[in-house]
Protein backbone atom coordinates (compact mmCIF):
# COMPACT_ATOMS: atom_id res chain seq x y z
CA UNK A 1 110.63 89.75 120.89
CA UNK A 2 107.48 90.04 122.87
CA UNK A 3 104.55 87.53 122.34
CA UNK A 4 102.33 90.46 121.23
CA UNK A 5 104.86 91.76 118.77
CA UNK A 6 105.14 88.26 117.31
CA UNK A 7 101.30 88.10 116.95
CA UNK A 8 101.40 91.51 115.37
CA UNK A 9 104.07 90.49 112.67
CA UNK A 10 101.94 87.27 112.05
CA UNK A 11 98.76 89.23 111.60
CA UNK A 12 100.48 91.54 109.04
CA UNK A 13 102.08 88.74 107.13
CA UNK A 14 99.06 86.38 107.06
CA UNK A 15 96.71 89.31 105.98
CA UNK A 16 99.01 90.53 103.24
CA UNK A 17 99.49 87.11 101.95
CA UNK A 18 95.90 86.22 101.90
CA UNK A 19 94.94 89.34 100.27
CA UNK A 20 97.52 89.18 97.43
CA UNK A 21 96.97 85.28 96.90
CA UNK A 22 93.20 85.79 96.79
CA UNK A 23 93.49 88.64 94.30
CA UNK A 24 95.93 86.61 92.03
CA UNK A 25 93.54 83.76 92.03
CA UNK A 26 90.60 85.71 91.46
CA UNK A 27 92.11 87.50 88.58
CA UNK A 28 93.55 84.41 86.91
CA UNK A 29 90.19 82.76 87.23
CA UNK A 30 88.32 85.54 85.35
CA UNK A 31 90.91 86.21 82.73
CA UNK A 32 89.10 83.90 80.07
CA UNK A 33 85.59 84.77 81.52
CA UNK A 34 83.44 86.67 78.97
CA UNK A 35 81.45 88.44 81.73
CA UNK A 36 84.58 90.03 82.91
CA UNK A 37 85.96 91.08 79.41
CA UNK A 38 84.45 94.57 79.85
CA UNK A 39 86.07 95.00 83.25
CA UNK A 40 89.67 93.85 82.14
CA UNK A 41 90.24 96.21 79.36
CA UNK A 42 93.28 97.94 78.30
CA UNK A 43 95.11 99.83 81.01
CA UNK A 44 95.18 103.03 79.03
CA UNK A 45 91.48 103.53 79.99
CA UNK A 46 92.55 103.82 83.71
CA UNK A 47 95.10 106.47 83.21
CA UNK A 48 94.65 109.37 85.69
CA UNK A 49 94.18 112.65 84.19
CA UNK A 50 95.87 115.62 85.99
CA UNK A 51 93.34 117.97 87.96
CA UNK A 52 94.59 120.97 89.45
CA UNK A 53 91.93 123.37 90.98
CA UNK A 54 92.74 127.17 91.06
CA UNK A 55 93.83 128.50 94.39
CA UNK A 56 90.99 130.86 95.33
CA UNK A 57 88.90 131.71 98.48
CA UNK A 58 86.02 129.15 98.96
CA UNK A 59 84.60 126.84 101.47
CA UNK A 60 86.71 124.08 100.04
CA UNK A 61 90.00 125.81 100.82
CA UNK A 62 88.69 126.94 104.19
CA UNK A 63 87.73 123.28 105.09
CA UNK A 64 91.05 122.10 103.49
CA UNK A 65 92.86 124.55 105.79
CA UNK A 66 91.15 123.43 108.99
CA UNK A 67 91.78 119.69 108.13
CA UNK A 68 95.36 120.21 107.13
CA UNK A 69 96.02 122.00 110.23
CA UNK A 70 94.55 119.67 112.51
CA UNK A 71 95.91 116.55 110.63
CA UNK A 72 99.38 118.15 110.60
CA UNK A 73 99.19 118.90 114.28
CA UNK A 74 98.12 115.47 115.41
CA UNK A 75 100.13 113.60 112.87
CA UNK A 76 103.54 115.10 113.73
CA UNK A 77 102.89 114.93 117.49
CA UNK A 78 101.99 111.04 116.96
CA UNK A 79 105.03 110.84 114.69
CA UNK A 80 102.97 109.48 111.74
CA UNK A 81 102.85 112.59 109.30
CA UNK A 82 99.05 112.48 108.36
CA UNK A 83 99.09 111.26 104.62
CA UNK A 84 96.36 108.95 105.12
CA UNK A 85 94.34 112.09 105.98
CA UNK A 86 95.79 114.61 103.51
CA UNK A 87 95.18 112.50 100.35
CA UNK A 88 91.51 111.86 100.92
CA UNK A 89 91.00 115.56 101.95
CA UNK A 90 92.78 116.67 98.68
CA UNK A 91 90.89 114.40 96.39
CA UNK A 92 87.38 114.66 97.87
CA UNK A 93 87.32 118.28 99.13
CA UNK A 94 89.68 120.25 97.07
CA UNK A 95 89.30 118.08 93.72
CA UNK A 96 92.90 117.15 92.91
CA UNK A 97 93.51 113.87 90.96
CA UNK A 98 95.03 111.09 93.24
CA UNK A 99 98.72 111.34 92.03
CA UNK A 100 98.72 115.08 92.45
CA UNK A 101 97.09 114.79 95.79
CA UNK A 102 99.92 112.19 96.90
CA UNK A 103 102.50 114.86 95.83
CA UNK A 104 101.02 117.75 97.82
CA UNK A 105 100.56 115.47 100.71
CA UNK A 106 104.35 114.88 100.74
CA UNK A 107 104.82 118.59 100.79
CA UNK A 108 102.44 119.01 103.77
CA UNK A 109 104.36 116.18 105.58
CA UNK A 110 107.76 117.73 104.78
CA UNK A 111 106.72 121.17 105.92
CA UNK A 112 105.05 119.91 109.22
CA UNK A 113 108.12 117.53 110.01
CA UNK A 114 110.54 120.24 109.48
CA UNK A 115 108.94 122.66 111.91
CA UNK A 116 108.46 119.87 114.29
CA UNK A 117 111.97 118.93 114.25
CA UNK A 118 113.08 122.63 114.91
CA UNK A 119 110.83 122.62 117.80
CA UNK A 120 111.97 119.28 119.22
CA UNK A 121 115.67 120.58 118.86
CA UNK A 122 115.19 123.18 121.46
CA UNK A 123 113.57 120.50 124.01
CA UNK A 124 115.84 118.40 126.24
CA UNK A 125 115.42 114.71 126.74
CA UNK A 126 112.54 114.11 129.28
CA UNK A 127 114.51 111.55 131.40
CA UNK A 128 118.32 111.32 130.47
CA UNK A 129 121.13 113.67 129.51
CA UNK A 130 120.98 112.55 125.86
CA UNK A 131 119.61 114.23 122.71
CA UNK A 132 115.94 114.15 122.21
CA UNK A 133 116.48 112.91 118.77
CA UNK A 134 117.96 109.31 118.81
CA UNK A 135 120.37 109.24 115.97
CA UNK A 136 121.19 105.60 116.28
CA UNK A 137 117.67 104.64 115.65
CA UNK A 138 117.36 107.33 112.79
CA UNK A 139 120.49 105.74 111.06
CA UNK A 140 119.08 102.29 111.51
CA UNK A 141 115.68 103.00 109.99
CA UNK A 142 116.24 105.89 107.53
CA UNK A 143 118.03 104.05 104.88
CA UNK A 144 115.57 101.11 104.80
CA UNK A 145 112.66 103.58 104.68
CA UNK A 146 114.14 105.32 101.78
CA UNK A 147 114.62 101.85 100.01
CA UNK A 148 111.19 100.81 100.81
CA UNK A 149 109.78 104.03 99.43
CA UNK A 150 111.37 103.36 95.97
CA UNK A 151 109.97 99.84 95.97
CA UNK A 152 106.60 101.08 96.82
CA UNK A 153 106.60 103.76 94.24
CA UNK A 154 107.40 100.93 91.66
CA UNK A 155 104.70 98.73 93.01
CA UNK A 156 102.12 101.43 93.02
CA UNK A 157 101.79 101.34 89.34
CA UNK A 158 101.93 97.55 89.20
CA UNK A 159 99.30 96.79 91.95
CA UNK A 160 95.53 97.32 91.33
CA UNK A 161 94.04 100.31 93.11
CA UNK A 162 91.60 98.08 95.18
CA UNK A 163 94.38 95.85 96.32
CA UNK A 164 96.35 98.78 97.76
CA UNK A 165 93.37 99.73 99.52
CA UNK A 166 92.82 96.39 101.13
CA UNK A 167 96.56 96.17 102.29
CA UNK A 168 96.37 99.69 103.66
CA UNK A 169 93.34 98.94 105.74
CA UNK A 170 94.82 95.77 106.98
CA UNK A 171 98.10 97.47 107.95
CA UNK A 172 96.32 100.72 109.38
CA UNK A 173 93.72 98.81 111.62
CA UNK A 174 96.54 96.67 112.98
CA UNK A 175 98.93 99.41 113.76
CA UNK A 176 96.12 101.55 115.28
CA UNK A 177 94.90 98.61 117.49
CA UNK A 178 98.24 97.76 118.58
CA UNK A 179 99.05 101.33 119.49
CA UNK A 180 95.85 101.77 121.28
CA UNK A 181 96.33 98.88 123.55
CA UNK A 182 99.96 100.03 124.19
CA UNK A 183 98.51 103.45 125.15
CA UNK A 184 96.14 101.81 127.65
CA UNK A 185 99.00 99.87 129.27
CA UNK A 186 101.11 103.11 129.56
CA UNK A 187 98.05 104.98 130.90
CA UNK A 188 97.74 102.29 133.67
CA UNK A 189 101.48 102.56 134.57
CA UNK A 190 101.26 106.39 134.74
CA UNK A 191 98.18 106.07 137.08
CA UNK A 192 100.14 103.48 139.57
CA UNK A 193 103.17 106.00 139.37
CA UNK A 194 101.03 109.14 140.02
CA UNK A 195 99.48 107.10 143.05
CA UNK A 196 102.88 106.00 144.26
CA UNK A 197 104.10 109.61 144.13
CA UNK A 198 100.95 110.84 145.98
CA UNK A 199 101.66 108.46 148.85
CA UNK A 200 105.27 109.48 149.07
CA UNK A 201 104.20 113.15 149.19
CA UNK A 202 101.76 112.58 152.18
CA UNK A 203 104.48 111.03 154.27
CA UNK A 204 106.50 114.14 153.90
CA UNK A 205 103.75 116.31 155.64
CA UNK A 206 103.59 116.71 159.41
CA UNK A 207 100.66 116.57 161.59
CA UNK A 208 99.88 120.25 160.99
CA UNK A 209 99.97 119.72 157.09
CA UNK A 210 103.27 121.52 156.70
CA UNK A 211 105.60 120.32 154.08
CA UNK A 212 108.82 118.99 155.69
CA UNK A 213 110.98 119.10 152.58
CA UNK A 214 110.60 120.10 148.95
CA UNK A 215 108.87 116.83 147.49
CA UNK A 216 107.97 118.18 144.18
CA UNK A 217 108.77 115.48 141.47
CA UNK A 218 107.91 115.92 137.82
CA UNK A 219 108.56 112.60 135.70
CA UNK A 220 108.85 113.02 132.01
CA UNK A 221 108.91 116.88 132.16
CA UNK A 222 111.76 118.73 130.42
CA UNK A 223 114.16 120.23 132.96
CA UNK A 224 115.22 123.75 132.37
CA UNK A 225 118.87 123.29 133.37
CA UNK A 226 120.28 124.65 130.10
CA UNK A 227 119.54 127.51 128.05
CA UNK A 228 117.61 127.17 124.68
CA UNK A 229 120.86 127.58 122.68
CA UNK A 230 122.63 125.16 124.81
CA UNK A 231 119.99 122.54 124.29
CA UNK A 232 119.88 123.14 120.71
CA UNK A 233 123.65 122.55 120.29
CA UNK A 234 123.44 119.48 122.53
CA UNK A 235 120.69 117.98 120.35
CA UNK A 236 122.53 118.45 117.10
CA UNK A 237 124.83 115.80 116.22
CA UNK A 238 126.50 116.95 113.00
CA UNK A 239 128.46 113.88 112.27
CA UNK A 240 125.13 111.83 112.23
CA UNK A 241 123.22 114.51 110.34
CA UNK A 242 125.89 114.60 107.55
CA UNK A 243 125.60 110.79 107.29
CA UNK A 244 121.84 111.02 106.95
CA UNK A 245 122.07 113.83 104.41
CA UNK A 246 124.60 111.76 102.50
CA UNK A 247 122.16 108.84 102.13
CA UNK A 248 119.33 111.14 101.33
CA UNK A 249 121.43 112.90 98.59
CA UNK A 250 122.54 109.55 97.14
CA UNK A 251 118.89 108.26 96.87
CA UNK A 252 117.86 111.55 95.20
CA UNK A 253 120.60 111.57 92.75
CA UNK A 254 119.66 107.92 91.72
CA UNK A 255 116.05 108.88 91.30
CA UNK A 256 116.78 111.93 89.19
CA UNK A 257 118.95 109.96 86.93
CA UNK A 258 116.70 107.03 86.88
CA UNK A 259 113.80 109.30 85.65
CA UNK A 260 115.76 110.00 82.57
CA UNK A 261 116.72 106.46 81.31
CA UNK A 262 114.38 104.01 79.51
CA UNK A 263 112.38 101.80 81.89
CA UNK A 264 113.60 98.14 82.25
CA UNK A 265 117.01 98.91 80.47
CA UNK A 266 120.35 98.11 81.68
CA UNK A 267 121.04 101.37 83.21
CA UNK A 268 117.38 101.42 84.77
CA UNK A 269 118.10 98.16 86.56
CA UNK A 270 121.62 99.16 87.34
CA UNK A 271 120.46 102.39 89.03
CA UNK A 272 117.54 100.46 90.79
CA UNK A 273 119.77 98.11 92.37
CA UNK A 274 122.66 100.41 93.22
CA UNK A 275 120.19 101.67 96.11
CA UNK A 276 120.40 98.44 97.89
CA UNK A 277 124.17 98.56 98.85
CA UNK A 278 123.83 102.19 99.84
CA UNK A 279 121.00 101.53 102.25
CA UNK A 280 122.18 98.02 103.47
CA UNK A 281 125.62 99.40 103.97
CA UNK A 282 124.37 102.23 106.35
CA UNK A 283 121.89 100.01 108.09
CA UNK A 284 124.60 97.23 108.49
CA UNK A 285 127.13 99.75 110.02
CA UNK A 286 124.57 100.98 112.45
CA UNK A 287 123.30 97.31 113.35
CA UNK A 288 126.95 96.11 113.95
CA UNK A 289 127.35 99.10 116.36
CA UNK A 290 124.25 98.49 118.19
CA UNK A 291 124.98 94.78 118.47
CA UNK A 292 128.45 95.35 119.58
CA UNK A 293 127.59 97.75 122.18
CA UNK A 294 124.87 95.50 123.54
CA UNK A 295 127.29 92.55 123.73
CA UNK A 296 129.53 94.92 125.76
CA UNK A 297 126.52 95.69 127.99
CA UNK A 298 126.97 99.60 127.66
CA UNK A 299 124.79 101.34 130.02
CA UNK A 300 123.02 103.50 127.45
CA UNK A 301 122.91 102.08 123.85
CA UNK A 302 119.91 104.06 122.39
CA UNK A 303 116.27 104.94 123.18
CA UNK A 304 115.22 101.42 122.73
CA UNK A 305 114.84 98.87 125.56
CA UNK A 306 115.17 95.71 123.35
CA UNK A 307 118.08 93.55 123.22
CA UNK A 308 119.88 94.00 119.97
CA UNK A 309 119.95 90.51 118.79
CA UNK A 310 120.23 89.47 115.15
CA UNK A 311 116.59 88.51 115.31
CA UNK A 312 115.49 92.06 116.64
CA UNK A 313 117.72 93.71 114.09
CA UNK A 314 116.19 91.70 111.17
CA UNK A 315 112.79 92.66 112.33
CA UNK A 316 113.77 96.40 112.34
CA UNK A 317 115.04 96.15 108.83
CA UNK A 318 111.80 94.21 107.81
CA UNK A 319 109.50 97.06 109.38
CA UNK A 320 111.82 99.71 107.79
CA UNK A 321 111.26 98.46 104.29
CA UNK A 322 107.50 97.65 105.01
CA UNK A 323 106.99 101.21 106.20
CA UNK A 324 108.83 102.64 103.25
CA UNK A 325 106.93 100.45 100.89
CA UNK A 326 103.69 101.56 102.47
CA UNK A 327 104.80 105.11 102.14
CA UNK A 328 105.43 104.75 98.51
CA UNK A 329 102.04 102.97 97.78
CA UNK A 330 100.15 105.69 99.79
CA UNK A 331 102.16 108.85 99.34
CA UNK A 332 102.94 109.27 103.02
CA UNK A 333 106.35 109.35 104.86
CA UNK A 334 106.21 105.97 106.28
CA UNK A 335 105.46 107.07 109.70
CA UNK A 336 102.48 104.87 109.92
CA UNK A 337 104.97 101.99 110.73
CA UNK A 338 107.84 103.89 112.03
CA UNK A 339 105.90 105.65 114.95
CA UNK A 340 104.23 102.54 116.33
CA UNK A 341 107.52 100.48 115.85
CA UNK A 342 109.57 102.67 117.76
CA UNK A 343 106.91 102.50 120.71
CA UNK A 344 106.89 98.86 120.32
CA UNK A 345 110.70 98.43 120.84
CA UNK A 346 110.46 100.40 124.09
CA UNK A 347 111.21 104.04 123.00
CA UNK A 348 109.36 106.62 125.19
CA UNK A 349 106.63 108.65 123.37
CA UNK A 350 108.36 111.87 123.38
CA UNK A 351 111.58 110.33 121.85
CA UNK A 352 109.68 108.09 119.55
CA UNK A 353 107.63 111.11 118.35
CA UNK A 354 110.76 113.36 117.79
CA UNK A 355 112.73 110.66 116.01
CA UNK A 356 110.02 109.30 113.64
CA UNK A 357 109.33 112.95 112.71
CA UNK A 358 112.98 113.64 112.04
CA UNK A 359 113.20 110.56 109.67
CA UNK A 360 110.10 111.65 107.93
CA UNK A 361 111.47 114.87 107.23
CA UNK A 362 114.14 113.24 104.87
CA UNK A 363 111.98 110.82 103.33
CA UNK A 364 109.09 113.23 102.52
CA UNK A 365 111.69 115.90 101.22
CA UNK A 366 113.12 113.12 98.97
CA UNK A 367 109.89 112.70 97.20
CA UNK A 368 108.96 116.46 97.17
CA UNK A 369 112.25 117.14 95.28
CA UNK A 370 111.59 114.33 92.82
CA UNK A 371 108.00 115.51 92.35
CA UNK A 372 108.88 119.20 91.84
CA UNK A 373 111.34 118.27 89.10
CA UNK A 374 108.62 116.09 87.38
CA UNK A 375 106.06 119.00 87.81
CA UNK A 376 103.62 116.71 89.74
CA UNK A 377 101.98 119.45 91.87
CA UNK A 378 100.98 123.16 91.52
CA UNK A 379 103.31 125.30 93.32
CA UNK A 380 100.81 127.92 94.73
CA UNK A 381 98.66 125.26 96.31
CA UNK A 382 101.84 123.47 97.63
CA UNK A 383 103.29 126.44 99.31
CA UNK A 384 99.94 127.48 100.74
CA UNK A 385 99.13 124.04 102.46
CA UNK A 386 102.90 123.62 103.21
CA UNK A 387 102.93 126.91 105.24
CA UNK A 388 99.69 125.67 106.98
CA UNK A 389 101.45 122.48 107.98
CA UNK A 390 104.52 124.37 109.14
CA UNK A 391 102.38 126.28 111.61
CA UNK A 392 100.38 123.25 112.72
CA UNK A 393 103.60 121.12 113.28
CA UNK A 394 105.15 123.72 115.54
CA UNK A 395 102.06 124.62 117.66
CA UNK A 396 100.92 121.08 117.75
CA UNK A 397 104.19 119.91 119.39
CA UNK A 398 104.04 122.91 121.61
CA UNK A 399 100.35 122.36 123.03
CA UNK A 400 100.48 118.64 123.34
CA UNK A 401 103.95 118.68 125.15
CA UNK A 402 102.54 121.28 127.55
CA UNK A 403 99.52 118.93 128.13
CA UNK A 404 101.66 115.86 128.89
CA UNK A 405 103.81 117.97 131.40
CA UNK A 406 100.56 119.17 133.12
CA UNK A 407 98.97 115.97 133.36
CA UNK A 408 102.10 113.88 133.67
CA UNK A 409 100.82 111.31 131.03
CA UNK A 410 103.08 110.74 127.96
CA UNK A 411 100.49 107.96 126.89
CA UNK A 412 98.43 110.95 125.40
CA UNK A 413 100.89 110.93 122.49
CA UNK A 414 100.41 107.33 121.98
CA UNK A 415 96.51 107.60 121.84
CA UNK A 416 96.90 110.53 119.34
CA UNK A 417 99.13 108.36 117.22
CA UNK A 418 96.41 105.41 117.33
CA UNK A 419 93.64 108.01 116.57
CA UNK A 420 95.51 109.44 113.48
CA UNK A 421 96.17 105.80 112.05
CA UNK A 422 92.62 104.85 112.59
CA UNK A 423 91.05 108.02 110.99
CA UNK A 424 93.44 107.25 107.98
CA UNK A 425 92.15 103.72 107.71
CA UNK A 426 88.67 105.16 107.49
CA UNK A 427 89.26 108.00 105.01
CA UNK A 428 91.50 105.78 102.94
CA UNK A 429 89.10 102.97 102.84
CA UNK A 430 86.09 105.21 101.91
CA UNK A 431 88.18 106.83 98.96
CA UNK A 432 89.49 103.48 97.86
CA UNK A 433 86.10 101.76 97.90
CA UNK A 434 84.57 104.73 96.08
CA UNK A 435 87.27 104.86 93.45
CA UNK A 436 87.14 101.14 92.91
CA UNK A 437 83.38 101.22 92.31
CA UNK A 438 83.81 104.04 89.73
CA UNK A 439 86.38 101.85 88.04
CA UNK A 440 84.11 99.09 87.79
CA UNK A 441 81.24 101.21 86.60
CA UNK A 442 83.53 102.72 83.78
CA UNK A 443 84.75 99.29 82.83
CA UNK A 444 88.50 100.20 83.60
CA UNK A 445 91.20 97.76 84.24
CA UNK A 446 91.24 96.13 87.50
CA UNK A 447 94.24 93.77 87.42
CA UNK A 448 97.97 93.84 87.67
CA UNK A 449 99.81 95.82 85.23
CA UNK A 450 103.21 95.02 83.51
CA UNK A 451 106.06 96.58 85.40
CA UNK A 452 107.96 97.79 82.49
CA UNK A 453 104.86 99.02 80.53
CA UNK A 454 103.53 100.79 83.33
CA UNK A 455 106.62 102.87 84.27
């Protein structure tokens, strides 16, 4: 593992540990304080009421459409979804309550991810004769991401809102900064490559300026060697897709059944912990496969350039669960971790974007089905914004990939990813601070809630 990656992991672990430890110490030191009795009241005062504005033409819906389109287009190209932009937009501009905004955000992420996946299935791999979607990495991360989402949803009702805001800001600032420096590094490498290609082209021209041979070379540009139908069939791996669907359906069934049982009962915990062997089983299967192929020195294992050692596999498991947990806390698809992580382990931007979006399609659709059964969002608004996201996801992929092909700079995808994450850190920070101030003014409960009583 590179020194920069180790430093980034240390930053996350130390930042999260300090934030949680200080919050616990602060709350414990003020439990018996008379000056804080008004703040730490019953949690029943902080229950969020359902607020569903009507879907009608106004400046709010126009602005939400524009932001939703741009957020979906940029988010799916970067492979991060855009939940950190959608939730503040839905609460501040449209007027939804936080829980409903998170549910509709999942609908938008699902729509944008589905259209992006459809577009990517019709695009060949930029450099190799392999599918654009890295199914090995999808099978490695999807189970852990889904497991992390269930943990994050459970913690979201336990952790105080202000602490969730602090943790999200720490995470987003770290991942956006790391992605930005990764983009700068790639930009410099592309500049050197373009200069080298220019020199090679100069040597193939005679004294009269005539081209001696066809020296055209287009790195990282999809080759049109196959028809669209052939590319689509080549990119589809039904065995891996069916396995991913089986994991998705298993988690969905568990969540549906768990919602109908009493919290913290025997059946509740049995269902909750039954998710672990499913996730760990599929992850373990794929991890052993990658480790074995790496030991055999197979020429092409997957899109990642790292060595598949036990340490790196454990790191991927940790990041998968962390990404899912953040997705459950925030209401996003977990792409804010998965997108930068795929770049960190050496996946080229086009494949990282396509694979992260593919995995997000499963994680977001799982939440959408569950939220639909629980009636957490208004159908008309969800359908409208999901349609906007579907169009944005497709056209965002089309324009950015064309731009990458023309400029020959795949680093543009990395800069886009970094920008979306940084914008999400700002918007989520503003919303979180504003809501925390409102909760303090209304003397609402600001501490940790009991897990069983808050389910």
